[in-house]
PDB file of N, CA and C in Angstrom:
ATOM      1  N   MET A   1      -1.516   5.527  -3.270  1.00  0.00           N
ATOM      2  CA  MET A   1      -1.622   6.928  -3.603  1.00  0.00           C
ATOM      3  C   MET A   1      -3.102   7.320  -3.563  1.00  0.00           C
ATOM      4  N   ASN A   2      -3.379   8.414  -2.938  1.00  0.00           N
ATOM      5  CA  ASN A   2      -4.755   8.926  -2.843  1.00  0.00           C
ATOM      6  C   ASN A   2      -4.994   9.892  -3.991  1.00  0.00           C
ATOM      7  N   THR A   3      -5.976   9.560  -4.818  1.00  0.00           N
ATOM      8  CA  THR A   3      -6.251  10.411  -5.978  1.00  0.00           C
ATOM      9  C   THR A   3      -7.537  11.211  -5.828  1.00  0.00           C
ATOM     10  N   SER A   4      -8.147  11.174  -4.624  1.00  0.00           N
ATOM     11  CA  SER A   4      -9.393  11.930  -4.437  1.00  0.00           C
ATOM     12  C   SER A   4      -9.090  13.425  -4.371  1.00  0.00           C
ATOM     13  N   THR A   5     -10.032  14.188  -4.827  1.00  0.00           N
ATOM     14  CA  THR A   5      -9.891  15.639  -4.847  1.00  0.00           C
ATOM     15  C   THR A   5     -10.800  16.238  -3.794  1.00  0.00           C
ATOM     16  N   ILE A   6     -10.280  17.122  -3.018  1.00  0.00           N
ATOM     17  CA  ILE A   6     -11.065  17.827  -2.013  1.00  0.00           C
ATOM     18  C   ILE A   6     -11.318  19.228  -2.542  1.00  0.00           C
ATOM     19  N   SER A   7     -12.588  19.576  -2.648  1.00  0.00           N
ATOM     20  CA  SER A   7     -12.893  20.929  -3.112  1.00  0.00           C
ATOM     21  C   SER A   7     -13.437  21.741  -1.940  1.00  0.00           C
ATOM     22  N   ALA A   8     -12.938  22.902  -1.807  1.00  0.00           N
ATOM     23  CA  ALA A   8     -13.374  23.792  -0.735  1.00  0.00           C
ATOM     24  C   ALA A   8     -14.471  24.711  -1.248  1.00  0.00           C
ATOM     25  N   ALA A   9     -15.314  25.118  -0.335  1.00  0.00           N
ATOM     26  CA  ALA A   9     -16.352  26.091  -0.689  1.00  0.00           C
ATOM     27  C   ALA A   9     -15.682  27.419  -1.020  1.00  0.00           C
ATOM     28  N   PRO A  10     -16.342  28.201  -1.844  1.00  0.00           N
ATOM     29  CA  PRO A  10     -15.770  29.525  -2.153  1.00  0.00           C
ATOM     30  C   PRO A  10     -15.597  30.346  -0.876  1.00  0.00           C
ATOM     31  N   ASP A  11     -14.563  31.127  -0.847  1.00  0.00           N
ATOM     32  CA  ASP A  11     -14.302  31.971   0.317  1.00  0.00           C
ATOM     33  C   ASP A  11     -15.381  33.043   0.421  1.00  0.00           C
ATOM     34  N   GLN A  12     -16.085  33.055   1.528  1.00  0.00           N
ATOM     35  CA  GLN A  12     -17.170  34.009   1.749  1.00  0.00           C
ATOM     36  C   GLN A  12     -16.788  35.063   2.798  1.00  0.00           C
ATOM     37  N   SER A  13     -15.506  35.194   3.091  1.00  0.00           N
ATOM     38  CA  SER A  13     -15.049  36.109   4.132  1.00  0.00           C
ATOM     39  C   SER A  13     -15.480  37.551   3.880  1.00  0.00           C
ATOM     40  N   ASP A  14     -15.315  38.006   2.649  1.00  0.00           N
ATOM     41  CA  ASP A  14     -15.690  39.393   2.344  1.00  0.00           C
ATOM     42  C   ASP A  14     -17.193  39.594   2.498  1.00  0.00           C
ATOM     43  N   ARG A  15     -17.967  38.638   2.024  1.00  0.00           N
ATOM     44  CA  ARG A  15     -19.430  38.733   2.150  1.00  0.00           C
ATOM     45  C   ARG A  15     -19.834  38.723   3.623  1.00  0.00           C
ATOM     46  N   ALA A  16     -19.250  37.831   4.400  1.00  0.00           N
ATOM     47  CA  ALA A  16     -19.558  37.776   5.825  1.00  0.00           C
ATOM     48  C   ALA A  16     -19.196  39.095   6.507  1.00  0.00           C
ATOM     49  N   ARG A  17     -18.070  39.650   6.179  1.00  0.00           N
ATOM     50  CA  ARG A  17     -17.641  40.922   6.763  1.00  0.00           C
ATOM     51  C   ARG A  17     -18.637  42.033   6.417  1.00  0.00           C
ATOM     52  N   ASP A  18     -19.101  42.057   5.170  1.00  0.00           N
ATOM     53  CA  ASP A  18     -20.083  43.067   4.753  1.00  0.00           C
ATOM     54  C   ASP A  18     -21.399  42.910   5.515  1.00  0.00           C
ATOM     55  N   ILE A  19     -21.859  41.684   5.653  1.00  0.00           N
ATOM     56  CA  ILE A  19     -23.121  41.433   6.363  1.00  0.00           C
ATOM     57  C   ILE A  19     -23.000  41.826   7.833  1.00  0.00           C
ATOM     58  N   ILE A  20     -21.904  41.455   8.457  1.00  0.00           N
ATOM     59  CA  ILE A  20     -21.691  41.807   9.868  1.00  0.00           C
ATOM     60  C   ILE A  20     -21.654  43.323  10.031  1.00  0.00           C
ATOM     61  N   THR A  21     -20.970  44.011   9.145  1.00  0.00           N
ATOM     62  CA  THR A  21     -20.901  45.470   9.218  1.00  0.00           C
ATOM     63  C   THR A  21     -22.295  46.087   9.090  1.00  0.00           C
ATOM     64  N   LEU A  22     -23.083  45.588   8.139  1.00  0.00           N
ATOM     65  CA  LEU A  22     -24.445  46.096   7.968  1.00  0.00           C
ATOM     66  C   LEU A  22     -25.298  45.824   9.209  1.00  0.00           C
ATOM     67  N   LEU A  23     -25.190  44.627   9.771  1.00  0.00           N
ATOM     68  CA  LEU A  23     -25.984  44.296  10.961  1.00  0.00           C
ATOM     69  C   LEU A  23     -25.614  45.182  12.144  1.00  0.00           C
ATOM     70  N   LEU A  24     -24.328  45.449  12.309  1.00  0.00           N
ATOM     71  CA  LEU A  24     -23.897  46.270  13.436  1.00  0.00           C
ATOM     72  C   LEU A  24     -24.364  47.713  13.304  1.00  0.00           C
ATOM     73  N   ALA A  25     -24.669  48.134  12.080  1.00  0.00           N
ATOM     74  CA  ALA A  25     -25.167  49.494  11.867  1.00  0.00           C
ATOM     75  C   ALA A  25     -26.640  49.632  12.270  1.00  0.00           C
ATOM     76  N   LEU A  26     -27.326  48.504  12.435  1.00  0.00           N
ATOM     77  CA  LEU A  26     -28.739  48.528  12.821  1.00  0.00           C
ATOM     78  C   LEU A  26     -28.884  48.707  14.327  1.00  0.00           C
ATOM     79  N   ASP A  27     -30.045  49.230  14.758  1.00  0.00           N
ATOM     80  CA  ASP A  27     -30.293  49.263  16.194  1.00  0.00           C
ATOM     81  C   ASP A  27     -30.568  47.838  16.670  1.00  0.00           C
ATOM     82  N   ILE A  28     -30.546  47.627  17.974  1.00  0.00           N
ATOM     83  CA  ILE A  28     -30.613  46.278  18.541  1.00  0.00           C
ATOM     84  C   ILE A  28     -31.902  45.555  18.157  1.00  0.00           C
ATOM     85  N   GLU A  29     -33.019  46.265  18.103  1.00  0.00           N
ATOM     86  CA  GLU A  29     -34.281  45.621  17.740  1.00  0.00           C
ATOM     87  C   GLU A  29     -34.242  45.125  16.295  1.00  0.00           C
ATOM     88  N   ASP A  30     -33.692  45.939  15.398  1.00  0.00           N
ATOM     89  CA  ASP A  30     -33.575  45.525  14.001  1.00  0.00           C
ATOM     90  C   ASP A  30     -32.573  44.380  13.840  1.00  0.00           C
ATOM     91  N   GLN A  31     -31.510  44.383  14.645  1.00  0.00           N
ATOM     92  CA  GLN A  31     -30.564  43.268  14.617  1.00  0.00           C
ATOM     93  C   GLN A  31     -31.266  41.971  14.990  1.00  0.00           C
ATOM     94  N   GLN A  32     -32.068  42.022  16.048  1.00  0.00           N
ATOM     95  CA  GLN A  32     -32.767  40.820  16.509  1.00  0.00           C
ATOM     96  C   GLN A  32     -33.773  40.336  15.476  1.00  0.00           C
ATOM     97  N   THR A  33     -34.489  41.270  14.857  1.00  0.00           N
ATOM     98  CA  THR A  33     -35.461  40.891  13.833  1.00  0.00           C
ATOM     99  C   THR A  33     -34.762  40.273  12.629  1.00  0.00           C
ATOM    100  N   THR A  34     -33.659  40.860  12.213  1.00  0.00           N
ATOM    101  CA  THR A  34     -32.916  40.327  11.070  1.00  0.00           C
ATOM    102  C   THR A  34     -32.396  38.931  11.372  1.00  0.00           C
ATOM    103  N   LEU A  35     -31.852  38.732  12.558  1.00  0.00           N
ATOM    104  CA  LEU A  35     -31.380  37.406  12.947  1.00  0.00           C
ATOM    105  C   LEU A  35     -32.539  36.411  12.961  1.00  0.00           C
ATOM    106  N   ALA A  36     -33.677  36.802  13.509  1.00  0.00           N
ATOM    107  CA  ALA A  36     -34.842  35.913  13.557  1.00  0.00           C
ATOM    108  C   ALA A  36     -35.290  35.545  12.146  1.00  0.00           C
ATOM    109  N   ARG A  37     -35.260  36.502  11.224  1.00  0.00           N
ATOM    110  CA  ARG A  37     -35.657  36.219   9.839  1.00  0.00           C
ATOM    111  C   ARG A  37     -34.672  35.265   9.164  1.00  0.00           C
ATOM    112  N   VAL A  38     -33.394  35.424   9.432  1.00  0.00           N
ATOM    113  CA  VAL A  38     -32.385  34.517   8.862  1.00  0.00           C
ATOM    114  C   VAL A  38     -32.604  33.102   9.412  1.00  0.00           C
ATOM    115  N   ILE A  39     -32.860  33.002  10.712  1.00  0.00           N
ATOM    116  CA  ILE A  39     -33.123  31.687  11.299  1.00  0.00           C
ATOM    117  C   ILE A  39     -34.386  31.084  10.685  1.00  0.00           C
ATOM    118  N   ALA A  40     -35.452  31.878  10.587  1.00  0.00           N
ATOM    119  CA  ALA A  40     -36.698  31.388  10.002  1.00  0.00           C
ATOM    120  C   ALA A  40     -36.460  30.881   8.573  1.00  0.00           C
ATOM    121  N   ALA A  41     -35.645  31.598   7.809  1.00  0.00           N
ATOM    122  CA  ALA A  41     -35.341  31.175   6.442  1.00  0.00           C
ATOM    123  C   ALA A  41     -34.592  29.846   6.427  1.00  0.00           C
ATOM    124  N   SER A  42     -33.818  29.596   7.458  1.00  0.00           N
ATOM    125  CA  SER A  42     -33.006  28.382   7.510  1.00  0.00           C
ATOM    126  C   SER A  42     -33.791  27.148   7.967  1.00  0.00           C
ATOM    127  N   VAL A  43     -34.881  27.359   8.693  1.00  0.00           N
ATOM    128  CA  VAL A  43     -35.570  26.209   9.302  1.00  0.00           C
ATOM    129  C   VAL A  43     -37.007  26.000   8.834  1.00  0.00           C
ATOM    130  N   HIS A  44     -37.580  26.923   8.055  1.00  0.00           N
ATOM    131  CA  HIS A  44     -38.994  26.779   7.692  1.00  0.00           C
ATOM    132  C   HIS A  44     -39.227  25.536   6.834  1.00  0.00           C
ATOM    133  N   ASP A  45     -40.488  25.082   6.828  1.00  0.00           N
ATOM    134  CA  ASP A  45     -40.840  23.849   6.115  1.00  0.00           C
ATOM    135  C   ASP A  45     -41.309  24.071   4.688  1.00  0.00           C
ATOM    136  N   GLY A  46     -41.195  25.269   4.170  1.00  0.00           N
ATOM    137  CA  GLY A  46     -41.515  25.471   2.766  1.00  0.00           C
ATOM    138  C   GLY A  46     -42.457  26.621   2.505  1.00  0.00           C
ATOM    139  N   PRO A  47     -42.791  26.811   1.228  1.00  0.00           N
ATOM    140  CA  PRO A  47     -43.664  27.909   0.817  1.00  0.00           C
ATOM    141  C   PRO A  47     -45.025  27.854   1.502  1.00  0.00           C
ATOM    142  N   GLY A  48     -45.523  29.030   1.824  1.00  0.00           N
ATOM    143  CA  GLY A  48     -46.846  29.125   2.430  1.00  0.00           C
ATOM    144  C   GLY A  48     -46.861  29.012   3.941  1.00  0.00           C
ATOM    145  N   THR A  49     -45.719  28.738   4.527  1.00  0.00           N
ATOM    146  CA  THR A  49     -45.671  28.639   5.989  1.00  0.00           C
ATOM    147  C   THR A  49     -45.491  30.031   6.589  1.00  0.00           C
ATOM    148  N   ALA A  50     -45.882  30.176   7.836  1.00  0.00           N
ATOM    149  CA  ALA A  50     -45.728  31.456   8.528  1.00  0.00           C
ATOM    150  C   ALA A  50     -44.250  31.832   8.662  1.00  0.00           C
ATOM    151  N   LEU A  51     -43.398  30.838   8.901  1.00  0.00           N
ATOM    152  CA  LEU A  51     -41.971  31.132   9.033  1.00  0.00           C
ATOM    153  C   LEU A  51     -41.367  31.555   7.695  1.00  0.00           C
ATOM    154  N   GLU A  52     -41.819  30.943   6.608  1.00  0.00           N
ATOM    155  CA  GLU A  52     -41.339  31.350   5.283  1.00  0.00           C
ATOM    156  C   GLU A  52     -41.793  32.766   4.978  1.00  0.00           C
ATOM    157  N   GLN A  53     -43.035  33.090   5.325  1.00  0.00           N
ATOM    158  CA  GLN A  53     -43.559  34.441   5.103  1.00  0.00           C
ATOM    159  C   GLN A  53     -42.763  35.459   5.922  1.00  0.00           C
ATOM    160  N   PHE A  54     -42.492  35.141   7.181  1.00  0.00           N
ATOM    161  CA  PHE A  54     -41.714  36.035   8.033  1.00  0.00           C
ATOM    162  C   PHE A  54     -40.306  36.221   7.474  1.00  0.00           C
ATOM    163  N   ALA A  55     -39.683  35.133   7.061  1.00  0.00           N
ATOM    164  CA  ALA A  55     -38.326  35.226   6.510  1.00  0.00           C
ATOM    165  C   ALA A  55     -38.288  36.099   5.270  1.00  0.00           C
ATOM    166  N   GLY A  56     -39.280  35.952   4.414  1.00  0.00           N
ATOM    167  CA  GLY A  56     -39.268  36.659   3.142  1.00  0.00           C
ATOM    168  C   GLY A  56     -39.773  38.080   3.187  1.00  0.00           C
ATOM    169  N   THR A  57     -40.720  38.358   4.088  1.00  0.00           N
ATOM    170  CA  THR A  57     -41.364  39.680   4.075  1.00  0.00           C
ATOM    171  C   THR A  57     -41.232  40.457   5.375  1.00  0.00           C
ATOM    172  N   GLY A  58     -40.942  39.768   6.452  1.00  0.00           N
ATOM    173  CA  GLY A  58     -40.912  40.415   7.762  1.00  0.00           C
ATOM    174  C   GLY A  58     -42.273  40.450   8.427  1.00  0.00           C
ATOM    175  N   GLN A  59     -43.314  40.009   7.716  1.00  0.00           N
ATOM    176  CA  GLN A  59     -44.653  39.962   8.304  1.00  0.00           C
ATOM    177  C   GLN A  59     -44.771  38.704   9.151  1.00  0.00           C
ATOM    178  N   LEU A  60     -45.155  38.902  10.418  1.00  0.00           N
ATOM    179  CA  LEU A  60     -45.156  37.805  11.369  1.00  0.00           C
ATOM    180  C   LEU A  60     -46.563  37.502  11.852  1.00  0.00           C
ATOM    181  N   ASP A  61     -46.997  36.276  11.629  1.00  0.00           N
ATOM    182  CA  ASP A  61     -48.219  35.747  12.220  1.00  0.00           C
ATOM    183  C   ASP A  61     -47.748  34.892  13.392  1.00  0.00           C
ATOM    184  N   ALA A  62     -47.731  35.487  14.570  1.00  0.00           N
ATOM    185  CA  ALA A  62     -47.096  34.872  15.733  1.00  0.00           C
ATOM    186  C   ALA A  62     -47.709  33.521  16.093  1.00  0.00           C
ATOM    187  N   ALA A  63     -49.030  33.430  16.088  1.00  0.00           N
ATOM    188  CA  ALA A  63     -49.682  32.175  16.487  1.00  0.00           C
ATOM    189  C   ALA A  63     -49.298  31.036  15.538  1.00  0.00           C
ATOM    190  N   ARG A  64     -49.377  31.292  14.233  1.00  0.00           N
ATOM    191  CA  ARG A  64     -49.001  30.255  13.257  1.00  0.00           C
ATOM    192  C   ARG A  64     -47.516  29.928  13.346  1.00  0.00           C
ATOM    193  N   ALA A  65     -46.687  30.965  13.520  1.00  0.00           N
ATOM    194  CA  ALA A  65     -45.241  30.736  13.608  1.00  0.00           C
ATOM    195  C   ALA A  65     -44.901  29.865  14.811  1.00  0.00           C
ATOM    196  N   LEU A  66     -45.525  30.136  15.956  1.00  0.00           N
ATOM    197  CA  LEU A  66     -45.246  29.330  17.149  1.00  0.00           C
ATOM    198  C   LEU A  66     -45.702  27.884  16.960  1.00  0.00           C
ATOM    199  N   ASP A  67     -46.839  27.688  16.288  1.00  0.00           N
ATOM    200  CA  ASP A  67     -47.277  26.314  15.988  1.00  0.00           C
ATOM    201  C   ASP A  67     -46.249  25.594  15.122  1.00  0.00           C
ATOM    202  N   GLU A  68     -45.728  26.294  14.124  1.00  0.00           N
ATOM    203  CA  GLU A  68     -44.717  25.698  13.253  1.00  0.00           C
ATOM    204  C   GLU A  68     -43.426  25.416  14.006  1.00  0.00           C
ATOM    205  N   ILE A  69     -43.041  26.337  14.869  1.00  0.00           N
ATOM    206  CA  ILE A  69     -41.820  26.143  15.661  1.00  0.00           C
ATOM    207  C   ILE A  69     -41.970  24.911  16.547  1.00  0.00           C
ATOM    208  N   ASP A  70     -43.149  24.726  17.122  1.00  0.00           N
ATOM    209  CA  ASP A  70     -43.387  23.544  17.970  1.00  0.00           C
ATOM    210  C   ASP A  70     -43.178  22.248  17.199  1.00  0.00           C
ATOM    211  N   ASP A  71     -43.443  22.265  15.900  1.00  0.00           N
ATOM    212  CA  ASP A  71     -43.332  21.058  15.081  1.00  0.00           C
ATOM    213  C   ASP A  71     -41.951  20.863  14.458  1.00  0.00           C
ATOM    214  N   LEU A  72     -41.059  21.843  14.604  1.00  0.00           N
ATOM    215  CA  LEU A  72     -39.746  21.744  13.980  1.00  0.00           C
ATOM    216  C   LEU A  72     -38.912  20.624  14.598  1.00  0.00           C
ATOM    217  N   ARG A  73     -38.174  19.953  13.739  1.00  0.00           N
ATOM    218  CA  ARG A  73     -37.175  18.980  14.165  1.00  0.00           C
ATOM    219  C   ARG A  73     -35.863  19.411  13.534  1.00  0.00           C
ATOM    220  N   VAL A  74     -34.923  19.811  14.374  1.00  0.00           N
ATOM    221  CA  VAL A  74     -33.631  20.302  13.884  1.00  0.00           C
ATOM    222  C   VAL A  74     -32.511  19.547  14.581  1.00  0.00           C
ATOM    223  N   PRO A  75     -31.333  19.548  13.978  1.00  0.00           N
ATOM    224  CA  PRO A  75     -30.177  18.943  14.649  1.00  0.00           C
ATOM    225  C   PRO A  75     -29.890  19.663  15.973  1.00  0.00           C
ATOM    226  N   PHE A  76     -29.267  18.960  16.870  1.00  0.00           N
ATOM    227  CA  PHE A  76     -28.927  19.519  18.185  1.00  0.00           C
ATOM    228  C   PHE A  76     -28.232  20.867  18.056  1.00  0.00           C
ATOM    229  N   GLU A  77     -27.351  21.003  17.089  1.00  0.00           N
ATOM    230  CA  GLU A  77     -26.572  22.225  16.918  1.00  0.00           C
ATOM    231  C   GLU A  77     -27.448  23.430  16.592  1.00  0.00           C
ATOM    232  N   GLN A  78     -28.673  23.207  16.098  1.00  0.00           N
ATOM    233  CA  GLN A  78     -29.557  24.308  15.724  1.00  0.00           C
ATOM    234  C   GLN A  78     -30.654  24.579  16.755  1.00  0.00           C
ATOM    235  N   GLU A  79     -30.658  23.840  17.855  1.00  0.00           N
ATOM    236  CA  GLU A  79     -31.690  24.060  18.865  1.00  0.00           C
ATOM    237  C   GLU A  79     -31.641  25.470  19.440  1.00  0.00           C
ATOM    238  N   ALA A  80     -30.446  26.020  19.613  1.00  0.00           N
ATOM    239  CA  ALA A  80     -30.323  27.395  20.124  1.00  0.00           C
ATOM    240  C   ALA A  80     -30.918  28.385  19.131  1.00  0.00           C
ATOM    241  N   TRP A  81     -30.819  28.085  17.845  1.00  0.00           N
ATOM    242  CA  TRP A  81     -31.430  28.947  16.821  1.00  0.00           C
ATOM    243  C   TRP A  81     -32.935  28.989  17.015  1.00  0.00           C
ATOM    244  N   VAL A  82     -33.526  27.809  17.188  1.00  0.00           N
ATOM    245  CA  VAL A  82     -34.985  27.716  17.335  1.00  0.00           C
ATOM    246  C   VAL A  82     -35.418  28.411  18.631  1.00  0.00           C
ATOM    247  N   ASP A  83     -34.632  28.270  19.693  1.00  0.00           N
ATOM    248  CA  ASP A  83     -34.944  28.966  20.945  1.00  0.00           C
ATOM    249  C   ASP A  83     -34.935  30.480  20.733  1.00  0.00           C
ATOM    250  N   ALA A  84     -33.933  30.985  20.032  1.00  0.00           N
ATOM    251  CA  ALA A  84     -33.849  32.429  19.764  1.00  0.00           C
ATOM    252  C   ALA A  84     -35.026  32.884  18.910  1.00  0.00           C
ATOM    253  N   LEU A  85     -35.382  32.103  17.916  1.00  0.00           N
ATOM    254  CA  LEU A  85     -36.519  32.436  17.054  1.00  0.00           C
ATOM    255  C   LEU A  85     -37.810  32.448  17.872  1.00  0.00           C
ATOM    256  N   SER A  86     -37.980  31.468  18.734  1.00  0.00           N
ATOM    257  CA  SER A  86     -39.174  31.414  19.591  1.00  0.00           C
ATOM    258  C   SER A  86     -39.283  32.647  20.471  1.00  0.00           C
ATOM    259  N   ARG A  87     -38.176  33.020  21.097  1.00  0.00           N
ATOM    260  CA  ARG A  87     -38.185  34.213  21.948  1.00  0.00           C
ATOM    261  C   ARG A  87     -38.554  35.449  21.148  1.00  0.00           C
ATOM    262  N   HIS A  88     -38.021  35.556  19.935  1.00  0.00           N
ATOM    263  CA  HIS A  88     -38.340  36.718  19.114  1.00  0.00           C
ATOM    264  C   HIS A  88     -39.837  36.756  18.799  1.00  0.00           C
ATOM    265  N   VAL A  89     -40.384  35.630  18.405  1.00  0.00           N
ATOM    266  CA  VAL A  89     -41.802  35.583  18.046  1.00  0.00           C
ATOM    267  C   VAL A  89     -42.665  35.936  19.253  1.00  0.00           C
ATOM    268  N   ILE A  90     -42.323  35.405  20.409  1.00  0.00           N
ATOM    269  CA  ILE A  90     -43.106  35.645  21.620  1.00  0.00           C
ATOM    270  C   ILE A  90     -43.084  37.112  22.017  1.00  0.00           C
ATOM    271  N   PHE A  91     -41.913  37.733  21.915  1.00  0.00           N
ATOM    272  CA  PHE A  91     -41.748  39.094  22.417  1.00  0.00           C
ATOM    273  C   PHE A  91     -41.802  40.178  21.349  1.00  0.00           C
ATOM    274  N   ALA A  92     -41.991  39.790  20.092  1.00  0.00           N
ATOM    275  CA  ALA A  92     -42.007  40.785  19.011  1.00  0.00           C
ATOM    276  C   ALA A  92     -43.159  41.761  19.188  1.00  0.00           C
ATOM    277  N   ARG A  93     -42.841  43.022  19.053  1.00  0.00           N
ATOM    278  CA  ARG A  93     -43.896  44.058  19.112  1.00  0.00           C
ATOM    279  C   ARG A  93     -44.665  44.053  17.806  1.00  0.00           C
ATOM    280  N   GLY A  94     -45.970  44.185  17.905  1.00  0.00           N
ATOM    281  CA  GLY A  94     -46.787  44.285  16.713  1.00  0.00           C
ATOM    282  C   GLY A  94     -47.096  42.968  16.053  1.00  0.00           C
ATOM    283  N   ALA A  95     -46.726  41.853  16.677  1.00  0.00           N
ATOM    284  CA  ALA A  95     -47.014  40.554  16.068  1.00  0.00           C
ATOM    285  C   ALA A  95     -48.506  40.262  16.195  1.00  0.00           C
ATOM    286  N   ARG A  96     -49.071  39.732  15.093  1.00  0.00           N
ATOM    287  CA  ARG A  96     -50.486  39.341  15.130  1.00  0.00           C
ATOM    288  C   ARG A  96     -50.597  37.968  15.740  1.00  0.00           C
ATOM    289  N   SER A  97     -51.666  37.728  16.479  1.00  0.00           N
ATOM    290  CA  SER A  97     -51.895  36.385  17.001  1.00  0.00           C
ATOM    291  C   SER A  97     -53.261  35.895  16.612  1.00  0.00           C
TER     292      SER A  97
END
């Protein structure tokens, strides 16, 4: 008899639906920036980094962010995230270098 208990994560369907609805209400540039900030929040190496600053405030230091991106090590499944973040940093209007 198997007595182990499997616990599922709380259902986040409603929250996901709300976030998707809010994102779709944004123009395409704001959608891309928001996605880039979410990715940066997921992969940054900690407080004080350019990616952490971008994730938290939207202020982008492109040169520092690209240096940090070059040093990132992520699972294969997240490589597309890093590619998207890199493209955003490279092409972002108003980014400081």
